[in-house]
PDB file of all heavy atoms in Angstrom:
ATOM      1  N   PRO A   1      -1.664 -14.610  -8.868  1.00  0.00           N
ATOM      2  CA  PRO A   1      -2.238 -15.319 -10.009  1.00  0.00           C
ATOM      3  C   PRO A   1      -1.442 -16.566 -10.380  1.00  0.00           C
ATOM      4  O   PRO A   1      -0.344 -16.774  -9.861  1.00  0.00           O
ATOM      5  CB  PRO A   1      -2.160 -14.275 -11.117  1.00  0.00           C
ATOM      6  CG  PRO A   1      -1.020 -13.387 -10.747  1.00  0.00           C
ATOM      7  CD  PRO A   1      -1.054 -13.315  -9.247  1.00  0.00           C
ATOM      8  N   GLU A   2      -1.989 -17.366 -11.275  1.00  0.00           N
ATOM      9  CA  GLU A   2      -1.380 -18.642 -11.599  1.00  0.00           C
ATOM     10  C   GLU A   2      -0.094 -18.503 -12.406  1.00  0.00           C
ATOM     11  O   GLU A   2       0.678 -19.473 -12.509  1.00  0.00           O
ATOM     12  CB  GLU A   2      -2.373 -19.536 -12.350  1.00  0.00           C
ATOM     13  CG  GLU A   2      -3.581 -19.964 -11.484  1.00  0.00           C
ATOM     14  CD  GLU A   2      -4.513 -20.915 -12.211  1.00  0.00           C
ATOM     15  OE1 GLU A   2      -4.173 -21.331 -13.344  1.00  0.00           O
ATOM     16  OE2 GLU A   2      -5.556 -21.230 -11.651  1.00  0.00           O
ATOM     17  N   GLU A   3       0.155 -17.353 -12.986  1.00  0.00           N
ATOM     18  CA  GLU A   3       1.419 -17.106 -13.683  1.00  0.00           C
ATOM     19  C   GLU A   3       1.759 -15.641 -13.576  1.00  0.00           C
ATOM     20  O   GLU A   3       0.888 -14.793 -13.358  1.00  0.00           O
ATOM     21  CB  GLU A   3       1.352 -17.536 -15.144  1.00  0.00           C
ATOM     22  CG  GLU A   3       0.307 -16.802 -15.987  1.00  0.00           C
ATOM     23  CD  GLU A   3       0.310 -17.308 -17.409  1.00  0.00           C
ATOM     24  OE1 GLU A   3       0.641 -18.463 -17.668  1.00  0.00           O
ATOM     25  OE2 GLU A   3      -0.046 -16.494 -18.319  1.00  0.00           O
ATOM     26  N   GLY A   4       3.030 -15.342 -13.712  1.00  0.00           N
ATOM     27  CA  GLY A   4       3.436 -13.921 -13.621  1.00  0.00           C
ATOM     28  C   GLY A   4       4.944 -13.804 -13.433  1.00  0.00           C
ATOM     29  O   GLY A   4       5.693 -14.776 -13.565  1.00  0.00           O
ATOM     30  N   GLU A   5       5.371 -12.595 -13.149  1.00  0.00           N
ATOM     31  CA  GLU A   5       6.789 -12.311 -12.895  1.00  0.00           C
ATOM     32  C   GLU A   5       6.939 -11.696 -11.505  1.00  0.00           C
ATOM     33  O   GLU A   5       6.155 -10.804 -11.133  1.00  0.00           O
ATOM     34  CB  GLU A   5       7.356 -11.360 -13.944  1.00  0.00           C
ATOM     35  CG  GLU A   5       8.828 -11.071 -13.763  1.00  0.00           C
ATOM     36  CD  GLU A   5       9.458 -10.284 -14.928  1.00  0.00           C
ATOM     37  OE1 GLU A   5       9.064 -10.528 -16.054  1.00  0.00           O
ATOM     38  OE2 GLU A   5      10.331  -9.429 -14.648  1.00  0.00           O
ATOM     39  N   LEU A   6       7.896 -12.187 -10.727  1.00  0.00           N
ATOM     40  CA  LEU A   6       8.156 -11.701  -9.417  1.00  0.00           C
ATOM     41  C   LEU A   6       9.405 -10.814  -9.412  1.00  0.00           C
ATOM     42  O   LEU A   6      10.412 -11.199 -10.015  1.00  0.00           O
ATOM     43  CB  LEU A   6       8.348 -12.839  -8.423  1.00  0.00           C
ATOM     44  CG  LEU A   6       7.165 -13.803  -8.236  1.00  0.00           C
ATOM     45  CD1 LEU A   6       7.514 -14.863  -7.181  1.00  0.00           C
ATOM     46  CD2 LEU A   6       5.909 -13.065  -7.849  1.00  0.00           C
ATOM     47  N   ARG A   7       9.342  -9.702  -8.732  1.00  0.00           N
ATOM     48  CA  ARG A   7      10.471  -8.825  -8.591  1.00  0.00           C
ATOM     49  C   ARG A   7      10.592  -8.403  -7.118  1.00  0.00           C
ATOM     50  O   ARG A   7       9.706  -7.765  -6.583  1.00  0.00           O
ATOM     51  CB  ARG A   7      10.318  -7.586  -9.477  1.00  0.00           C
ATOM     52  CG  ARG A   7      11.526  -6.644  -9.482  1.00  0.00           C
ATOM     53  CD  ARG A   7      11.192  -5.362 -10.221  1.00  0.00           C
ATOM     54  NE  ARG A   7      12.375  -4.511 -10.409  1.00  0.00           N
ATOM     55  CZ  ARG A   7      12.310  -3.208 -10.607  1.00  0.00           C
ATOM     56  NH1 ARG A   7      11.130  -2.583 -10.650  1.00  0.00           N
ATOM     57  NH2 ARG A   7      13.409  -2.506 -10.783  1.00  0.00           N
ATOM     58  N   HIS A   8      11.679  -8.812  -6.510  1.00  0.00           N
ATOM     59  CA  HIS A   8      11.947  -8.458  -5.114  1.00  0.00           C
ATOM     60  C   HIS A   8      13.402  -8.031  -4.973  1.00  0.00           C
ATOM     61  O   HIS A   8      14.154  -8.052  -5.955  1.00  0.00           O
ATOM     62  CB  HIS A   8      11.678  -9.650  -4.181  1.00  0.00           C
ATOM     63  CG  HIS A   8      10.273 -10.124  -4.148  1.00  0.00           C
ATOM     64  ND1 HIS A   8       9.856 -11.282  -4.792  1.00  0.00           N
ATOM     65  CD2 HIS A   8       9.166  -9.625  -3.537  1.00  0.00           C
ATOM     66  CE1 HIS A   8       8.567 -11.450  -4.568  1.00  0.00           C
ATOM     67  NE2 HIS A   8       8.131 -10.458  -3.834  1.00  0.00           N
ATOM     68  N   TRP A   9      13.782  -7.685  -3.748  1.00  0.00           N
ATOM     69  CA  TRP A   9      15.167  -7.403  -3.428  1.00  0.00           C
ATOM     70  C   TRP A   9      15.588  -8.341  -2.292  1.00  0.00           C
ATOM     71  O   TRP A   9      14.888  -8.422  -1.275  1.00  0.00           O
ATOM     72  CB  TRP A   9      15.331  -5.931  -3.037  1.00  0.00           C
ATOM     73  CG  TRP A   9      15.340  -5.056  -4.261  1.00  0.00           C
ATOM     74  CD1 TRP A   9      16.436  -4.538  -4.908  1.00  0.00           C
ATOM     75  CD2 TRP A   9      14.219  -4.603  -5.013  1.00  0.00           C
ATOM     76  NE1 TRP A   9      16.067  -3.802  -6.001  1.00  0.00           N
ATOM     77  CE2 TRP A   9      14.699  -3.810  -6.075  1.00  0.00           C
ATOM     78  CE3 TRP A   9      12.830  -4.782  -4.889  1.00  0.00           C
ATOM     79  CZ2 TRP A   9      13.858  -3.222  -7.017  1.00  0.00           C
ATOM     80  CZ3 TRP A   9      11.985  -4.206  -5.810  1.00  0.00           C
ATOM     81  CH2 TRP A   9      12.494  -3.447  -6.874  1.00  0.00           C
ATOM     82  N   LEU A  10      16.707  -9.040  -2.483  1.00  0.00           N
ATOM     83  CA  LEU A  10      17.141 -10.042  -1.531  1.00  0.00           C
ATOM     84  C   LEU A  10      18.451  -9.630  -0.848  1.00  0.00           C
ATOM     85  O   LEU A  10      19.365  -9.120  -1.481  1.00  0.00           O
ATOM     86  CB  LEU A  10      17.367 -11.387  -2.236  1.00  0.00           C
ATOM     87  CG  LEU A  10      16.176 -12.349  -2.336  1.00  0.00           C
ATOM     88  CD1 LEU A  10      15.003 -11.728  -3.057  1.00  0.00           C
ATOM     89  CD2 LEU A  10      16.592 -13.661  -3.018  1.00  0.00           C
ATOM     90  N   ARG A  11      18.500  -9.876   0.453  1.00  0.00           N
ATOM     91  CA  ARG A  11      19.724  -9.650   1.218  1.00  0.00           C
ATOM     92  C   ARG A  11      20.093 -10.939   1.909  1.00  0.00           C
ATOM     93  O   ARG A  11      19.289 -11.543   2.643  1.00  0.00           O
ATOM     94  CB  ARG A  11      19.527  -8.562   2.250  1.00  0.00           C
ATOM     95  CG  ARG A  11      20.743  -8.377   3.170  1.00  0.00           C
ATOM     96  CD  ARG A  11      20.466  -7.378   4.257  1.00  0.00           C
ATOM     97  NE  ARG A  11      20.380  -6.018   3.715  1.00  0.00           N
ATOM     98  CZ  ARG A  11      19.792  -5.005   4.347  1.00  0.00           C
ATOM     99  NH1 ARG A  11      19.217  -5.208   5.512  1.00  0.00           N
ATOM    100  NH2 ARG A  11      19.785  -3.794   3.804  1.00  0.00           N
ATOM    101  N   ARG A  12      21.296 -11.404   1.676  1.00  0.00           N
ATOM    102  CA  ARG A  12      21.754 -12.679   2.248  1.00  0.00           C
ATOM    103  C   ARG A  12      22.258 -12.475   3.665  1.00  0.00           C
ATOM    104  O   ARG A  12      23.026 -11.554   3.952  1.00  0.00           O
ATOM    105  CB  ARG A  12      22.864 -13.266   1.375  1.00  0.00           C
ATOM    106  CG  ARG A  12      23.413 -14.607   1.902  1.00  0.00           C
ATOM    107  CD  ARG A  12      24.425 -15.172   0.933  1.00  0.00           C
ATOM    108  NE  ARG A  12      24.902 -16.470   1.382  1.00  0.00           N
ATOM    109  CZ  ARG A  12      25.733 -17.250   0.677  1.00  0.00           C
ATOM    110  NH1 ARG A  12      26.138 -16.836  -0.518  1.00  0.00           N
ATOM    111  NH2 ARG A  12      26.115 -18.412   1.154  1.00  0.00           N
ATOM    112  N   ASP A  13      21.789 -13.344   4.569  1.00  0.00           N
ATOM    113  CA  ASP A  13      22.239 -13.377   5.960  1.00  0.00           C
ATOM    114  C   ASP A  13      23.193 -14.562   6.098  1.00  0.00           C
ATOM    115  O   ASP A  13      22.734 -15.711   6.108  1.00  0.00           O
ATOM    116  CB  ASP A  13      21.055 -13.507   6.885  1.00  0.00           C
ATOM    117  CG  ASP A  13      21.433 -13.464   8.360  1.00  0.00           C
ATOM    118  OD1 ASP A  13      22.615 -13.720   8.680  1.00  0.00           O
ATOM    119  OD2 ASP A  13      20.570 -13.173   9.195  1.00  0.00           O
ATOM    120  N   GLY A  14      24.488 -14.278   6.169  1.00  0.00           N
ATOM    121  CA  GLY A  14      25.471 -15.359   6.220  1.00  0.00           C
ATOM    122  C   GLY A  14      25.369 -16.215   7.484  1.00  0.00           C
ATOM    123  O   GLY A  14      25.639 -17.398   7.453  1.00  0.00           O
ATOM    124  N   LYS A  15      24.957 -15.601   8.605  1.00  0.00           N
ATOM    125  CA  LYS A  15      24.893 -16.337   9.860  1.00  0.00           C
ATOM    126  C   LYS A  15      23.796 -17.408   9.826  1.00  0.00           C
ATOM    127  O   LYS A  15      23.994 -18.534  10.297  1.00  0.00           O
ATOM    128  CB  LYS A  15      24.654 -15.380  11.018  1.00  0.00           C
ATOM    129  CG  LYS A  15      25.828 -14.450  11.322  1.00  0.00           C
ATOM    130  CD  LYS A  15      25.544 -13.562  12.524  1.00  0.00           C
ATOM    131  CE  LYS A  15      26.739 -12.671  12.829  1.00  0.00           C
ATOM    132  NZ  LYS A  15      26.476 -11.795  13.987  1.00  0.00           N
ATOM    133  N   SER A  16      22.659 -17.076   9.281  1.00  0.00           N
ATOM    134  CA  SER A  16      21.555 -18.033   9.224  1.00  0.00           C
ATOM    135  C   SER A  16      21.468 -18.772   7.898  1.00  0.00           C
ATOM    136  O   SER A  16      20.655 -19.644   7.722  1.00  0.00           O
ATOM    137  CB  SER A  16      20.226 -17.311   9.477  1.00  0.00           C
ATOM    138  OG  SER A  16      19.960 -16.378   8.414  1.00  0.00           O
ATOM    139  N   ASN A  17      22.360 -18.393   6.954  1.00  0.00           N
ATOM    140  CA  ASN A  17      22.338 -18.940   5.584  1.00  0.00           C
ATOM    141  C   ASN A  17      20.919 -18.852   5.012  1.00  0.00           C
ATOM    142  O   ASN A  17      20.331 -19.825   4.531  1.00  0.00           O
ATOM    143  CB  ASN A  17      22.793 -20.411   5.571  1.00  0.00           C
ATOM    144  CG  ASN A  17      23.010 -20.897   4.148  1.00  0.00           C
ATOM    145  OD1 ASN A  17      23.377 -20.150   3.255  1.00  0.00           O
ATOM    146  ND2 ASN A  17      22.777 -22.195   3.944  1.00  0.00           N
ATOM    147  N   ARG A  18      20.410 -17.642   5.073  1.00  0.00           N
ATOM    148  CA  ARG A  18      19.023 -17.394   4.626  1.00  0.00           C
ATOM    149  C   ARG A  18      18.996 -16.035   3.902  1.00  0.00           C
ATOM    150  O   ARG A  18      19.793 -15.143   4.165  1.00  0.00           O
ATOM    151  CB  ARG A  18      18.095 -17.346   5.825  1.00  0.00           C
ATOM    152  CG  ARG A  18      16.629 -17.377   5.517  1.00  0.00           C
ATOM    153  CD  ARG A  18      15.824 -17.414   6.816  1.00  0.00           C
ATOM    154  NE  ARG A  18      14.389 -17.609   6.594  1.00  0.00           N
ATOM    155  CZ  ARG A  18      13.548 -16.638   6.222  1.00  0.00           C
ATOM    156  NH1 ARG A  18      13.990 -15.393   6.107  1.00  0.00           N
ATOM    157  NH2 ARG A  18      12.280 -16.907   6.035  1.00  0.00           N
ATOM    158  N   SER A  19      18.075 -15.905   2.940  1.00  0.00           N
ATOM    159  CA  SER A  19      17.905 -14.633   2.247  1.00  0.00           C
ATOM    160  C   SER A  19      16.632 -13.953   2.716  1.00  0.00           C
ATOM    161  O   SER A  19      15.574 -14.580   2.797  1.00  0.00           O
ATOM    162  CB  SER A  19      17.836 -14.838   0.732  1.00  0.00           C
ATOM    163  OG  SER A  19      19.108 -15.095   0.207  1.00  0.00           O
ATOM    164  N   HIS A  20      16.745 -12.660   3.058  1.00  0.00           N
ATOM    165  CA  HIS A  20      15.575 -11.872   3.464  1.00  0.00           C
ATOM    166  C   HIS A  20      15.042 -11.154   2.214  1.00  0.00           C
ATOM    167  O   HIS A  20      15.804 -10.636   1.410  1.00  0.00           O
ATOM    168  CB  HIS A  20      15.959 -10.896   4.556  1.00  0.00           C
ATOM    169  CG  HIS A  20      16.446 -11.560   5.805  1.00  0.00           C
ATOM    170  ND1 HIS A  20      15.596 -12.164   6.716  1.00  0.00           N
ATOM    171  CD2 HIS A  20      17.706 -11.741   6.278  1.00  0.00           C
ATOM    172  CE1 HIS A  20      16.298 -12.663   7.711  1.00  0.00           C
ATOM    173  NE2 HIS A  20      17.584 -12.431   7.461  1.00  0.00           N
ATOM    174  N   VAL A  21      13.731 -11.091   2.115  1.00  0.00           N
ATOM    175  CA  VAL A  21      13.078 -10.574   0.893  1.00  0.00           C
ATOM    176  C   VAL A  21      12.381  -9.266   1.199  1.00  0.00           C
ATOM    177  O   VAL A  21      11.664  -9.140   2.188  1.00  0.00           O
ATOM    178  CB  VAL A  21      12.049 -11.613   0.374  1.00  0.00           C
ATOM    179  CG1 VAL A  21      11.522 -11.171  -0.992  1.00  0.00           C
ATOM    180  CG2 VAL A  21      12.673 -12.987   0.284  1.00  0.00           C
ATOM    181  N   TYR A  22      12.580  -8.311   0.303  1.00  0.00           N
ATOM    182  CA  TYR A  22      11.948  -6.997   0.465  1.00  0.00           C
ATOM    183  C   TYR A  22      11.204  -6.645  -0.842  1.00  0.00           C
ATOM    184  O   TYR A  22      11.610  -7.032  -1.944  1.00  0.00           O
ATOM    185  CB  TYR A  22      13.004  -5.915   0.740  1.00  0.00           C
ATOM    186  CG  TYR A  22      13.861  -6.234   1.944  1.00  0.00           C
ATOM    187  CD1 TYR A  22      15.121  -6.796   1.748  1.00  0.00           C
ATOM    188  CD2 TYR A  22      13.413  -5.985   3.207  1.00  0.00           C
ATOM    189  CE1 TYR A  22      15.918  -7.096   2.866  1.00  0.00           C
ATOM    190  CE2 TYR A  22      14.207  -6.297   4.330  1.00  0.00           C
ATOM    191  CZ  TYR A  22      15.467  -6.840   4.137  1.00  0.00           C
ATOM    192  OH  TYR A  22      16.242  -7.167   5.216  1.00  0.00           O
ATOM    193  N   ALA A  23      10.089  -5.944  -0.667  1.00  0.00           N
ATOM    194  CA  ALA A  23       9.258  -5.578  -1.829  1.00  0.00           C
ATOM    195  C   ALA A  23       9.805  -4.385  -2.588  1.00  0.00           C
ATOM    196  O   ALA A  23       9.395  -4.137  -3.729  1.00  0.00           O
ATOM    197  CB  ALA A  23       7.832  -5.287  -1.360  1.00  0.00           C
ATOM    198  N   SER A  24      10.752  -3.659  -1.990  1.00  0.00           N
ATOM    199  CA  SER A  24      11.327  -2.472  -2.644  1.00  0.00           C
ATOM    200  C   SER A  24      12.807  -2.397  -2.286  1.00  0.00           C
ATOM    201  O   SER A  24      13.251  -3.089  -1.346  1.00  0.00           O
ATOM    202  CB  SER A  24      10.592  -1.214  -2.179  1.00  0.00           C
ATOM    203  OG  SER A  24      10.663  -1.069  -0.798  1.00  0.00           O
ATOM    204  N   PRO A  25      13.602  -1.619  -3.011  1.00  0.00           N
ATOM    205  CA  PRO A  25      15.035  -1.542  -2.728  1.00  0.00           C
ATOM    206  C   PRO A  25      15.327  -1.180  -1.272  1.00  0.00           C
ATOM    207  O   PRO A  25      14.638  -0.315  -0.700  1.00  0.00           O
ATOM    208  CB  PRO A  25      15.513  -0.444  -3.676  1.00  0.00           C
ATOM    209  CG  PRO A  25      14.535  -0.458  -4.807  1.00  0.00           C
ATOM    210  CD  PRO A  25      13.209  -0.798  -4.175  1.00  0.00           C
ATOM    211  N   LYS A  26      16.327  -1.865  -0.722  1.00  0.00           N
ATOM    212  CA  LYS A  26      16.673  -1.610   0.687  1.00  0.00           C
ATOM    213  C   LYS A  26      18.151  -1.891   0.898  1.00  0.00           C
ATOM    214  O   LYS A  26      18.592  -3.039   0.738  1.00  0.00           O
ATOM    215  CB  LYS A  26      15.851  -2.475   1.622  1.00  0.00           C
ATOM    216  CG  LYS A  26      16.099  -2.205   3.089  1.00  0.00           C
ATOM    217  CD  LYS A  26      15.115  -2.921   3.977  1.00  0.00           C
ATOM    218  CE  LYS A  26      15.344  -2.590   5.437  1.00  0.00           C
ATOM    219  NZ  LYS A  26      14.357  -3.236   6.347  1.00  0.00           N
ATOM    220  N   GLY A  27      18.898  -0.834   1.225  1.00  0.00           N
ATOM    221  CA  GLY A  27      20.315  -0.988   1.515  1.00  0.00           C
ATOM    222  C   GLY A  27      21.091  -1.705   0.407  1.00  0.00           C
ATOM    223  O   GLY A  27      20.999  -1.333  -0.774  1.00  0.00           O
ATOM    224  N   ASP A  28      21.813  -2.770   0.794  1.00  0.00           N
ATOM    225  CA  ASP A  28      22.602  -3.521  -0.173  1.00  0.00           C
ATOM    226  C   ASP A  28      21.858  -4.732  -0.739  1.00  0.00           C
ATOM    227  O   ASP A  28      22.500  -5.592  -1.366  1.00  0.00           O
ATOM    228  CB  ASP A  28      23.939  -3.953   0.452  1.00  0.00           C
ATOM    229  CG  ASP A  28      23.711  -4.842   1.679  1.00  0.00           C
ATOM    230  OD1 ASP A  28      22.547  -5.015   2.107  1.00  0.00           O
ATOM    231  OD2 ASP A  28      24.709  -5.365   2.210  1.00  0.00           O
ATOM    232  N   ALA A  29      20.562  -4.804  -0.548  1.00  0.00           N
ATOM    233  CA  ALA A  29      19.783  -5.912  -1.100  1.00  0.00           C
ATOM    234  C   ALA A  29      19.854  -5.872  -2.624  1.00  0.00           C
ATOM    235  O   ALA A  29      19.852  -4.808  -3.244  1.00  0.00           O
ATOM    236  CB  ALA A  29      18.341  -5.839  -0.628  1.00  0.00           C
ATOM    237  N   LYS A  30      19.908  -7.063  -3.254  1.00  0.00           N
ATOM    238  CA  LYS A  30      20.082  -7.167  -4.677  1.00  0.00           C
ATOM    239  C   LYS A  30      18.753  -7.525  -5.352  1.00  0.00           C
ATOM    240  O   LYS A  30      17.964  -8.318  -4.806  1.00  0.00           O
ATOM    241  CB  LYS A  30      21.106  -8.223  -5.038  1.00  0.00           C
ATOM    242  CG  LYS A  30      22.519  -7.866  -4.530  1.00  0.00           C
ATOM    243  CD  LYS A  30      23.504  -8.957  -4.878  1.00  0.00           C
ATOM    244  CE  LYS A  30      24.909  -8.593  -4.414  1.00  0.00           C
ATOM    245  NZ  LYS A  30      25.896  -9.665  -4.711  1.00  0.00           N
ATOM    246  N   GLU A  31      18.512  -6.955  -6.538  1.00  0.00           N
ATOM    247  CA  GLU A  31      17.273  -7.217  -7.234  1.00  0.00           C
ATOM    248  C   GLU A  31      17.218  -8.683  -7.645  1.00  0.00           C
ATOM    249  O   GLU A  31      18.209  -9.270  -8.106  1.00  0.00           O
ATOM    250  CB  GLU A  31      17.179  -6.346  -8.486  1.00  0.00           C
ATOM    251  CG  GLU A  31      15.859  -6.519  -9.245  1.00  0.00           C
ATOM    252  CD  GLU A  31      15.824  -5.738 -10.535  1.00  0.00           C
ATOM    253  OE1 GLU A  31      16.883  -5.570 -11.168  1.00  0.00           O
ATOM    254  OE2 GLU A  31      14.741  -5.299 -10.930  1.00  0.00           O
ATOM    255  N   ALA A  32      16.027  -9.279  -7.496  1.00  0.00           N
ATOM    256  CA  ALA A  32      15.807 -10.679  -7.878  1.00  0.00           C
ATOM    257  C   ALA A  32      14.544 -10.779  -8.713  1.00  0.00           C
ATOM    258  O   ALA A  32      13.476 -10.292  -8.274  1.00  0.00           O
ATOM    259  CB  ALA A  32      15.699 -11.552  -6.624  1.00  0.00           C
ATOM    260  N   ARG A  33      14.642 -11.388  -9.893  1.00  0.00           N
ATOM    261  CA  ARG A  33      13.478 -11.523 -10.777  1.00  0.00           C
ATOM    262  C   ARG A  33      13.369 -12.943 -11.289  1.00  0.00           C
ATOM    263  O   ARG A  33      14.351 -13.615 -11.562  1.00  0.00           O
ATOM    264  CB  ARG A  33      13.595 -10.558 -11.949  1.00  0.00           C
ATOM    265  CG  ARG A  33      13.540  -9.072 -11.572  1.00  0.00           C
ATOM    266  CD  ARG A  33      13.552  -8.175 -12.828  1.00  0.00           C
ATOM    267  NE  ARG A  33      14.779  -8.360 -13.611  1.00  0.00           N
ATOM    268  CZ  ARG A  33      14.820  -8.822 -14.841  1.00  0.00           C
ATOM    269  NH1 ARG A  33      13.698  -9.155 -15.480  1.00  0.00           N
ATOM    270  NH2 ARG A  33      15.966  -8.944 -15.476  1.00  0.00           N
TER     271      ARG A  33
END
């Protein structure tokens, strides 16, 4: 929708300098809102 709140879990990949996004908790991924 055109507005809302996003809640994901992010895990940083230091080698690629990129964050991977998950829809639910996974390992050491941190909540992102």
